[in-house]
C-alpha cells in the first residue's frame, strides 16, 4: 500500500517553477555543506561527490520533483531507474517514489480541467467518478470512473501548465546538473535537448497518445501475453485521455512469485522490445516500470502509457539488428561498423575511447552466448560493463551525440535490461533474438 498524498497545486508559471528549482538548488547545496562538514569532523577527507549523492539530497530532489511534475519529474524518473546500479543503494527506496507517483493536483484544479474539456455538466455521463487519483505520474494523473452504460474507465487528466513549462524545466534541470558537476563539462547536449523538448511536447498531446494506443492494440491484437486498453474517443481530447480500466499488479511485484513467472514475464517484455524495434518499428520509449502491470489470474501483462511512442526508421532498426548480430558472434569489426552507423562512436573519439566502447559491447555480449539461460544479476553483468566503461568518464574525447531516435532506443533497451536485472530473471537472450536474425537473413539489405 502506498502512502496517501494530499493534493498540491502544480506550479504552472515560469517564475513559480524557477523558484522551485531555486529551492532545490539551495537544499542540495545545504546538504553538501552538511555532508562535507560531517566528513571533516569524522577525520575524513571531504568528498564533494559523496556529499552530492548522500541520502539527504535524494530526499530533497525526490520531494521537489514529485511536487513539480512535468518535464522536471520525467527527467528525475530516468535518473531513478538507475538507482542501485549507477547510484548509491540508499537512493533506491526514495527515488522509487518518482517511478510510482507524483503529488496529485487539488480537487478544485481537477474540476476546472474537467469542465474545460467536458463542460460543466460532464458528471451526467458517469454513474461513478473517483476524485482521488489511482495514479499520479509526471504529466498527468489517472482517475477511475464508470460510464452510465457500465464501461469501466481510466481517465488520464493532464496537469495544467505542463506543456508550457517543458522548455524551462529541461533548461533548469540541466543548469542544476552542471552546477552540481554531475555532468562532464565537455559534454554538449544542446541538440539532444532540443529534440527532447519536442518529444515531451508530443507526450502532452493526448490525441496523439490515443493514436499510438490504437496502433499498439492493432499490433498486439492476437498476442497471448499482452493486454492494451481501448480508447473512448468521445471523451478524449488534447488534455484528457479516456481509456479502458484494466486491473493488474505492479510489474515489480512479480519478484515475490515463482521464478517461472518472473522468467516468462521478462522474456515476453524482451520479445516485445525486439518486436517494437525490428518488426513494427513503433517503440514505446519510456521504460518506466509503472507502465507495466501483471495479471496473475490470466498471466498477462498490461501495457500502459503510450505518450512516449516514436516511429523508428529502417536505418536505425537495421543497424541495431546488425549490432545485435555482431555482439552474438562477438565480431569486433562488425560491432565497430554498427556503432559508427548508429552514431554511438565517431571519428572525433580517440582510439582508446573507441576501444573501450568495443570492450564494453564485448562484455555485454556475454548474455548472448548461452544456449539455455542467462541471469544478469547472478553474473553481475551490469557492474562488469560499468567497470569496463569507467575510462570513458574521464576521457574528454569519449562524448558523442547520437541522433535522438538512437538515444530513445538505448533508453528503452537499457530500461528493460535494468528491469530484468532488478527482478533477477533468467532469460534465453540468444533464443529471444534468434527469430529476428533469421528473418533479417531472408530479406534484402537495402536501406530506405
Protein backbone atom coordinates (compact mmCIF):
# COMPACT_ATOMS: atom_id res chain seq x y z
CA UNK A 1 0.00 0.00 0.00
CA UNK A 2 1.33 3.43 -0.93
CA UNK A 3 1.00 6.43 1.36
CA UNK A 4 -1.90 8.76 0.70
CA UNK A 5 -0.77 12.14 -0.57
CA UNK A 6 -2.59 15.38 -0.19
CA UNK A 7 -3.32 17.36 -3.34
CA UNK A 8 -0.77 20.05 -4.12
CA UNK A 9 -1.32 22.69 -6.75
CA UNK A 10 1.03 22.37 -9.71
CA UNK A 11 3.29 25.44 -10.03
CA UNK A 12 2.50 26.37 -13.64
CA UNK A 13 4.07 29.80 -14.10
CA UNK A 14 7.66 30.10 -15.28
CA UNK A 15 8.69 32.14 -12.21
CA UNK A 16 6.91 29.78 -9.83
CA UNK A 17 8.70 26.76 -11.28
CA UNK A 18 12.03 28.62 -11.35
CA UNK A 19 11.55 29.36 -7.65
CA UNK A 20 11.08 25.63 -7.01
CA UNK A 21 14.35 24.92 -8.79
CA UNK A 22 16.00 27.62 -6.71
CA UNK A 23 14.74 25.95 -3.56
CA UNK A 24 16.00 22.60 -4.80
CA UNK A 25 19.45 24.02 -5.55
CA UNK A 26 19.60 25.62 -2.08
CA UNK A 27 18.58 22.37 -0.41
CA UNK A 28 21.17 20.38 -2.36
CA UNK A 29 23.88 22.93 -1.54
CA UNK A 30 22.94 22.85 2.13
CA UNK A 31 23.10 19.07 2.22
CA UNK A 32 26.51 19.14 0.54
CA UNK A 33 27.82 21.53 3.21
CA UNK A 34 26.35 19.33 5.94
CA UNK A 35 27.85 16.21 4.34
CA UNK A 36 31.36 17.62 3.90
CA UNK A 37 31.30 19.07 7.44
CA UNK A 38 30.37 15.65 8.82
CA UNK A 39 33.26 14.10 6.87
CA UNK A 40 35.74 16.65 8.28
CA UNK A 41 34.52 16.15 11.86
CA UNK A 42 34.91 12.39 11.35
CA UNK A 43 38.52 12.88 10.33
CA UNK A 44 37.81 12.03 6.69
CA UNK A 45 38.95 13.88 3.60
CA UNK A 46 35.88 15.82 2.36
CA UNK A 47 34.40 14.42 -0.88
CA UNK A 48 32.09 16.61 -2.97
CA UNK A 49 30.81 13.64 -4.97
CA UNK A 50 29.91 11.65 -1.85
CA UNK A 51 28.15 14.63 -0.32
CA UNK A 52 26.23 15.28 -3.53
CA UNK A 53 24.99 11.68 -3.60
CA UNK A 54 24.01 11.44 0.06
CA UNK A 55 20.56 10.36 1.20
CA UNK A 56 19.50 13.88 2.26
CA UNK A 57 19.89 15.05 -1.33
CA UNK A 58 17.91 12.07 -2.60
CA UNK A 59 15.02 13.09 -0.31
CA UNK A 60 15.23 16.77 -1.33
CA UNK A 61 15.36 16.04 -5.04
CA UNK A 62 12.56 13.48 -4.92
CA UNK A 63 10.11 15.61 -2.93
CA UNK A 64 10.54 18.69 -5.07
CA UNK A 65 10.37 16.90 -8.42
CA UNK A 66 7.27 14.96 -7.30
CA UNK A 67 5.64 18.31 -6.48
CA UNK A 68 6.61 19.98 -9.75
CA UNK A 69 5.61 17.11 -12.09
CA UNK A 70 6.09 17.74 -15.82
CA UNK A 71 9.45 17.50 -17.57
CA UNK A 72 11.29 18.04 -14.29
CA UNK A 73 9.83 14.86 -12.82
CA UNK A 74 10.20 12.99 -16.12
CA UNK A 75 13.97 13.56 -16.04
CA UNK A 76 14.02 12.51 -12.40
CA UNK A 77 12.27 9.25 -13.32
CA UNK A 78 15.01 8.46 -15.85
CA UNK A 79 17.59 9.05 -13.12
CA UNK A 80 15.66 6.87 -10.66
CA UNK A 81 15.68 3.84 -12.97
CA UNK A 82 19.44 3.53 -12.49
CA UNK A 83 19.30 3.60 -8.68
CA UNK A 84 21.05 0.63 -7.09
CA UNK A 85 23.38 0.22 -10.06
CA UNK A 86 24.64 3.66 -11.05
CA UNK A 87 23.67 5.49 -7.83
CA UNK A 88 24.13 4.65 -4.14
CA UNK A 89 21.84 1.84 -2.98
CA UNK A 90 20.39 4.15 -0.28
CA UNK A 91 18.71 6.21 -3.01
CA UNK A 92 16.59 3.29 -4.30
CA UNK A 93 13.65 3.35 -1.82
CA UNK A 94 13.49 7.15 -2.03
CA UNK A 95 13.80 7.62 -5.78
CA UNK A 96 11.41 4.72 -6.43
CA UNK A 97 8.68 7.18 -5.47
CA UNK A 98 9.36 9.02 -8.75
CA UNK A 99 8.65 5.81 -10.68
CA UNK A 100 5.35 5.34 -8.88
CA UNK A 101 3.56 8.57 -8.10
CA UNK A 102 3.68 12.35 -8.13
CA UNK A 103 1.73 14.60 -5.78
CA UNK A 104 -1.88 14.82 -7.10
CA UNK A 105 -3.47 18.14 -8.02
CA UNK A 106 -6.16 19.59 -5.71
CA UNK A 107 -9.82 18.82 -6.47
CA UNK A 108 -10.58 22.43 -7.49
CA UNK A 109 -7.80 22.37 -10.09
CA UNK A 110 -9.01 18.98 -11.33
CA UNK A 111 -12.62 20.15 -11.70
CA UNK A 112 -11.51 23.21 -13.65
CA UNK A 113 -9.62 20.97 -16.09
CA UNK A 114 -12.55 18.55 -16.50
CA UNK A 115 -15.03 21.36 -17.13
CA UNK A 116 -12.75 22.96 -19.72
CA UNK A 117 -12.78 19.72 -21.74
CA UNK A 118 -16.22 18.24 -21.00
CA UNK A 119 -18.45 21.21 -19.99
CA UNK A 120 -19.93 21.89 -16.55
CA UNK A 121 -22.43 19.03 -16.95
CA UNK A 122 -19.71 16.44 -17.51
CA UNK A 123 -20.74 14.36 -14.47
CA UNK A 124 -24.09 13.42 -16.08
CA UNK A 125 -22.27 10.92 -18.33
CA UNK A 126 -20.97 8.95 -15.34
CA UNK A 127 -22.50 6.72 -12.70
CA UNK A 128 -19.24 6.91 -10.76
CA UNK A 129 -16.14 9.11 -10.78
CA UNK A 130 -13.40 8.95 -8.16
CA UNK A 131 -11.80 12.30 -7.39
CA UNK A 132 -8.88 10.55 -5.69
CA UNK A 133 -6.45 9.51 -8.42
CA UNK A 134 -5.41 5.87 -8.69
CA UNK A 135 -2.08 7.01 -10.16
CA UNK A 136 -0.19 10.30 -10.41
CA UNK A 137 2.64 10.49 -12.92
CA UNK A 138 4.87 13.20 -14.38
CA UNK A 139 2.45 14.65 -16.95
CA UNK A 140 -0.98 13.67 -15.67
CA UNK A 141 -2.96 11.75 -13.08
CA UNK A 142 -5.42 8.90 -13.59
CA UNK A 143 -8.93 8.58 -12.14
CA UNK A 144 -11.22 5.58 -12.11
CA UNK A 145 -14.74 6.09 -13.48
CA UNK A 146 -17.82 4.22 -14.69
CA UNK A 147 -19.98 5.40 -17.58
CA UNK A 148 -23.77 5.16 -17.46
CA UNK A 149 -23.50 2.26 -19.96
CA UNK A 150 -21.36 0.31 -17.46
CA UNK A 151 -17.93 0.67 -19.11
CA UNK A 152 -15.10 0.84 -16.55
CA UNK A 153 -12.67 3.62 -17.48
CA UNK A 154 -9.34 5.07 -16.52
CA UNK A 155 -9.36 8.83 -17.14
CA UNK A 156 -5.95 10.45 -17.54
CA UNK A 157 -6.05 14.18 -16.85
CA UNK A 158 -3.08 16.36 -17.73
CA UNK A 159 -1.66 18.75 -15.16
CA UNK A 160 -2.29 22.43 -16.01
CA UNK A 161 0.73 24.27 -17.39
CA UNK A 162 2.85 21.14 -18.02
CA UNK A 163 3.01 21.68 -21.78
CA UNK A 164 4.06 25.31 -21.39
CA UNK A 165 6.74 24.55 -18.77
CA UNK A 166 8.70 21.90 -20.70
CA UNK A 167 11.35 24.20 -22.20
CA UNK A 168 12.17 25.98 -18.95
CA UNK A 169 12.05 22.76 -16.89
CA UNK A 170 14.63 20.99 -19.04
CA UNK A 171 16.86 24.07 -19.18
CA UNK A 172 16.66 24.45 -15.39
CA UNK A 173 17.37 20.79 -14.68
CA UNK A 174 20.41 20.84 -16.95
CA UNK A 175 21.66 24.04 -15.33
CA UNK A 176 21.32 22.43 -11.91
CA UNK A 177 23.22 19.33 -13.04
CA UNK A 178 26.02 21.46 -14.50
CA UNK A 179 26.29 23.50 -11.29
CA UNK A 180 26.40 20.26 -9.32
CA UNK A 181 29.24 18.99 -11.56
CA UNK A 182 27.32 15.78 -12.23
CA UNK A 183 27.86 16.12 -15.99
CA UNK A 184 31.35 16.41 -17.50
CA UNK A 185 31.98 19.94 -18.79
CA UNK A 186 32.87 18.74 -22.28
CA UNK A 187 29.50 17.10 -22.98
CA UNK A 188 27.26 19.24 -25.22
CA UNK A 189 23.67 18.03 -25.14
CA UNK A 190 22.08 21.08 -26.78
CA UNK A 191 20.82 19.35 -29.95
CA UNK A 192 19.67 16.32 -27.99
CA UNK A 193 17.79 18.53 -25.52
CA UNK A 194 16.06 20.39 -28.36
CA UNK A 195 14.62 17.13 -29.62
CA UNK A 196 13.86 16.00 -26.07
CA UNK A 197 11.72 19.10 -25.61
CA UNK A 198 9.85 18.34 -28.83
CA UNK A 199 9.34 14.71 -27.75
CA UNK A 200 7.95 15.74 -24.36
CA UNK A 201 5.60 18.24 -26.01
CA UNK A 202 4.29 15.39 -28.16
CA UNK A 203 3.72 13.39 -24.96
CA UNK A 204 1.43 16.15 -23.68
CA UNK A 205 -0.88 15.73 -26.70
CA UNK A 206 -3.30 13.03 -25.56
CA UNK A 207 -4.90 12.85 -29.02
CA UNK A 208 -1.53 11.69 -30.33
CA UNK A 209 -1.22 9.20 -27.48
CA UNK A 210 -4.67 7.82 -28.33
CA UNK A 211 -3.46 7.13 -31.89
CA UNK A 212 -0.42 5.28 -30.58
CA UNK A 213 -2.58 3.29 -28.17
CA UNK A 214 -4.82 2.18 -31.04
CA UNK A 215 -1.75 1.23 -33.11
CA UNK A 216 -0.46 -0.97 -30.28
CA UNK A 217 -3.88 -2.63 -29.89
CA UNK A 218 -3.76 -3.46 -33.60
CA UNK A 219 -0.14 -4.70 -33.48
CA UNK A 220 -0.77 -6.94 -30.46
CA UNK A 221 -4.41 -7.90 -31.06
CA UNK A 222 -3.59 -11.61 -31.35
CA UNK A 223 -0.78 -11.72 -28.78
CA UNK A 224 -1.48 -14.17 -25.94
CA UNK A 225 0.64 -12.37 -23.34
CA UNK A 226 -0.32 -8.69 -23.63
CA UNK A 227 -3.40 -6.54 -22.98
CA UNK A 228 -3.78 -3.00 -24.34
CA UNK A 229 -6.77 -0.84 -23.23
CA UNK A 230 -9.28 0.62 -25.71
CA UNK A 231 -9.83 4.38 -26.17
CA UNK A 232 -13.12 6.22 -25.65
CA UNK A 233 -12.83 8.81 -28.43
CA UNK A 234 -15.81 10.98 -27.43
CA UNK A 235 -14.22 11.71 -24.03
CA UNK A 236 -10.67 12.22 -25.29
CA UNK A 237 -9.00 15.48 -26.28
CA UNK A 238 -5.55 17.04 -26.04
CA UNK A 239 -5.72 17.26 -22.22
CA UNK A 240 -7.82 14.21 -21.27
CA UNK A 241 -7.41 10.59 -22.34
CA UNK A 242 -10.31 8.24 -21.59
CA UNK A 243 -9.49 4.53 -21.87
CA UNK A 244 -10.48 1.13 -20.58
CA UNK A 245 -9.67 0.42 -16.94
CA UNK A 246 -7.75 -2.83 -16.54
CA UNK A 247 -6.82 -4.45 -13.23
CA UNK A 248 -3.27 -5.53 -12.52
CA UNK A 249 -0.41 -5.51 -10.01
CA UNK A 250 2.81 -3.54 -10.30
CA UNK A 251 5.24 -5.42 -12.52
CA UNK A 252 7.90 -5.38 -9.79
CA UNK A 253 5.52 -7.34 -7.51
CA UNK A 254 6.24 -10.49 -9.51
CA UNK A 255 9.59 -10.67 -7.70
CA UNK A 256 7.66 -12.43 -4.90
CA UNK A 257 6.22 -15.00 -7.33
CA UNK A 258 7.78 -18.17 -8.73
CA UNK A 259 10.93 -17.97 -10.82
CA UNK A 260 8.99 -19.44 -13.75
CA UNK A 261 6.63 -16.43 -13.75
CA UNK A 262 9.48 -13.94 -13.38
CA UNK A 263 11.39 -15.54 -16.25
CA UNK A 264 8.31 -15.74 -18.51
CA UNK A 265 7.25 -12.12 -17.94
CA UNK A 266 10.75 -10.75 -18.56
CA UNK A 267 11.15 -12.93 -21.64
CA UNK A 268 7.89 -11.58 -23.09
CA UNK A 269 8.89 -7.98 -22.35
CA UNK A 270 12.22 -8.54 -24.13
CA UNK A 271 10.34 -10.09 -27.06
CA UNK A 272 8.10 -7.01 -27.15
CA UNK A 273 11.11 -4.67 -27.21
CA UNK A 274 12.52 -6.54 -30.21
CA UNK A 275 9.11 -6.52 -31.95
CA UNK A 276 8.90 -2.76 -31.47
CA UNK A 277 12.38 -2.19 -32.86
CA UNK A 278 12.63 -4.80 -35.61
CA UNK A 279 9.06 -5.67 -36.67
CA UNK A 280 6.56 -2.88 -36.02
CA UNK A 281 9.19 -0.08 -35.90
CA UNK A 282 6.99 1.70 -33.36
CA UNK A 283 8.52 1.88 -29.89
CA UNK A 284 7.15 2.98 -26.55
CA UNK A 285 10.40 4.61 -25.48
CA UNK A 286 9.62 5.24 -21.79
CA UNK A 287 10.61 2.08 -19.87
CA UNK A 288 9.25 3.38 -16.55
CA UNK A 289 8.39 0.26 -14.53
CA UNK A 290 4.99 1.77 -13.66
CA UNK A 291 3.96 1.40 -17.33
CA UNK A 292 3.57 -2.37 -16.91
CA UNK A 293 1.08 -4.35 -14.81
CA UNK A 294 0.74 -8.09 -14.32
CA UNK A 295 -2.46 -10.11 -14.01
CA UNK A 296 -1.77 -13.25 -12.00
CA UNK A 297 -5.14 -14.82 -12.90
CA UNK A 298 -4.68 -14.50 -16.69
CA UNK A 299 -0.85 -14.44 -16.60
CA UNK A 300 -0.96 -11.46 -18.95
CA UNK A 301 0.98 -8.19 -19.00
CA UNK A 302 -1.00 -4.95 -19.18
CA UNK A 303 0.66 -2.17 -21.19
CA UNK A 304 0.03 1.42 -20.12
CA UNK A 305 1.08 4.93 -21.12
CA UNK A 306 1.78 5.37 -24.84
CA UNK A 307 2.68 9.05 -24.85
CA UNK A 308 6.39 8.39 -25.44
CA UNK A 309 5.89 6.31 -28.58
CA UNK A 310 8.05 7.00 -31.61
CA UNK A 311 8.30 5.66 -35.13
CA UNK A 312 11.69 4.01 -35.69
CA UNK A 313 13.44 4.45 -39.04
CA UNK A 314 14.51 1.50 -41.16
CA UNK A 315 18.12 2.74 -40.86
CA UNK A 316 18.10 2.64 -37.06
CA UNK A 317 16.25 -0.69 -36.92
CA UNK A 318 18.60 -2.34 -39.42
CA UNK A 319 21.80 -1.21 -37.73
CA UNK A 320 20.60 -2.21 -34.25
CA UNK A 321 19.92 -5.67 -35.62
CA UNK A 322 23.39 -5.68 -37.21
CA UNK A 323 24.81 -4.66 -33.84
CA UNK A 324 22.95 -7.47 -32.06
CA UNK A 325 24.17 -9.98 -34.64
CA UNK A 326 27.76 -8.79 -34.30
CA UNK A 327 27.56 -8.97 -30.50
CA UNK A 328 26.21 -12.50 -30.63
CA UNK A 329 29.10 -13.50 -32.92
CA UNK A 330 31.49 -11.34 -30.85
CA UNK A 331 32.83 -9.84 -34.07
CA UNK A 332 34.70 -6.65 -33.16
CA UNK A 333 34.90 -5.34 -36.74
CA UNK A 334 31.14 -5.67 -37.34
CA UNK A 335 30.41 -4.17 -33.89
CA UNK A 336 32.60 -1.21 -34.75
CA UNK A 337 30.80 -0.73 -38.08
CA UNK A 338 27.35 -0.81 -36.41
CA UNK A 339 28.46 1.61 -33.68
CA UNK A 340 29.62 4.11 -36.32
CA UNK A 341 26.37 3.70 -38.29
CA UNK A 342 24.30 4.42 -35.16
CA UNK A 343 26.46 7.39 -34.15
CA UNK A 344 27.45 5.73 -30.88
CA UNK A 345 31.10 6.27 -31.78
CA UNK A 346 32.58 8.79 -34.22
CA UNK A 347 35.89 9.93 -35.67
CA UNK A 348 36.29 12.66 -33.04
CA UNK A 349 36.80 10.00 -30.38
CA UNK A 350 40.25 8.77 -29.51
CA UNK A 351 41.28 5.26 -30.49
CA UNK A 352 41.42 4.39 -26.77
CA UNK A 353 37.84 5.59 -26.23
CA UNK A 354 36.53 3.60 -29.18
CA UNK A 355 38.41 0.56 -27.93
CA UNK A 356 36.75 0.97 -24.51
CA UNK A 357 33.29 1.13 -26.10
CA UNK A 358 34.06 -2.05 -28.03
CA UNK A 359 35.27 -3.77 -24.85
CA UNK A 360 32.01 -2.78 -23.12
CA UNK A 361 29.98 -4.19 -26.03
CA UNK A 362 32.04 -7.38 -25.96
CA UNK A 363 31.38 -7.68 -22.21
CA UNK A 364 27.65 -7.12 -22.78
CA UNK A 365 27.65 -9.81 -25.46
CA UNK A 366 28.23 -12.42 -22.78
CA UNK A 367 24.46 -12.74 -22.26
CA UNK A 368 24.06 -13.76 -25.94
CA UNK A 369 26.43 -16.73 -25.71
CA UNK A 370 24.34 -19.11 -23.62
CA UNK A 371 22.08 -21.63 -25.39
CA UNK A 372 19.90 -22.08 -22.31
CA UNK A 373 19.51 -19.12 -20.00
CA UNK A 374 21.45 -16.20 -18.54
CA UNK A 375 20.90 -14.37 -15.23
CA UNK A 376 22.15 -10.78 -15.37
CA UNK A 377 22.09 -10.30 -11.61
CA UNK A 378 23.92 -13.53 -10.74
CA UNK A 379 26.54 -12.85 -13.40
CA UNK A 380 26.80 -9.18 -12.27
CA UNK A 381 26.89 -8.21 -15.94
CA UNK A 382 25.80 -4.58 -15.49
CA UNK A 383 28.50 -3.93 -12.90
CA UNK A 384 31.07 -5.62 -15.14
CA UNK A 385 30.08 -3.39 -18.06
CA UNK A 386 30.37 -0.32 -15.82
CA UNK A 387 33.85 -1.33 -14.71
CA UNK A 388 34.98 -1.77 -18.31
CA UNK A 389 33.40 1.57 -19.25
CA UNK A 390 34.99 3.62 -16.45
CA UNK A 391 37.74 5.15 -18.69
CA UNK A 392 35.00 6.81 -20.77
CA UNK A 393 34.04 9.01 -17.81
CA UNK A 394 37.42 10.76 -17.67
CA UNK A 395 38.20 10.70 -21.41
CA UNK A 396 37.16 14.07 -22.83
CA UNK A 397 37.02 12.68 -26.36
CA UNK A 398 34.53 9.96 -25.41
CA UNK A 399 31.34 12.01 -25.61
CA UNK A 400 29.22 11.51 -28.73
CA UNK A 401 25.87 12.92 -29.78
CA UNK A 402 23.84 10.16 -31.48
CA UNK A 403 20.59 11.14 -33.14
CA UNK A 404 17.69 11.46 -30.73
CA UNK A 405 15.98 8.38 -32.09
CA UNK A 406 19.02 6.26 -31.19
CA UNK A 407 19.13 7.82 -27.72
CA UNK A 408 15.47 6.82 -27.19
CA UNK A 409 16.08 3.25 -28.35
CA UNK A 410 19.05 3.00 -26.00
CA UNK A 411 16.85 4.33 -23.21
CA UNK A 412 14.22 1.63 -23.82
CA UNK A 413 16.70 -1.24 -24.11
CA UNK A 414 18.58 -0.07 -21.02
CA UNK A 415 15.33 0.21 -19.08
CA UNK A 416 14.32 -3.34 -19.98
CA UNK A 417 17.75 -4.69 -19.03
CA UNK A 418 17.56 -2.88 -15.68
CA UNK A 419 14.10 -4.36 -15.04
CA UNK A 420 15.31 -7.87 -15.89
CA UNK A 421 18.30 -7.33 -13.61
CA UNK A 422 16.15 -5.96 -10.78
CA UNK A 423 13.78 -8.93 -10.92
CA UNK A 424 16.64 -11.43 -11.11
CA UNK A 425 15.18 -13.17 -14.15
CA UNK A 426 16.93 -15.85 -16.17
CA UNK A 427 16.44 -15.31 -19.92
CA UNK A 428 17.43 -17.10 -23.07
CA UNK A 429 18.69 -13.87 -24.64
CA UNK A 430 20.13 -15.73 -27.61
CA UNK A 431 16.88 -17.59 -28.28
CA UNK A 432 14.74 -14.44 -28.00
CA UNK A 433 16.92 -12.68 -30.58
CA UNK A 434 17.13 -15.62 -33.00
CA UNK A 435 13.82 -15.16 -34.90
CA UNK A 436 14.68 -11.58 -35.80
CA UNK A 437 18.13 -12.52 -37.08
CA UNK A 438 16.63 -15.34 -39.14
CA UNK A 439 14.00 -13.01 -40.64
CA UNK A 440 16.67 -10.43 -41.45
CA UNK A 441 18.76 -13.05 -43.27
CA UNK A 442 15.83 -13.71 -45.62
CA UNK A 443 15.37 -10.03 -46.55
CA UNK A 444 17.41 -7.73 -48.85
CA UNK A 445 19.66 -5.30 -47.00
CA UNK A 446 18.74 -2.12 -48.89
CA UNK A 447 18.03 0.96 -46.77
CA UNK A 448 15.10 3.37 -47.01
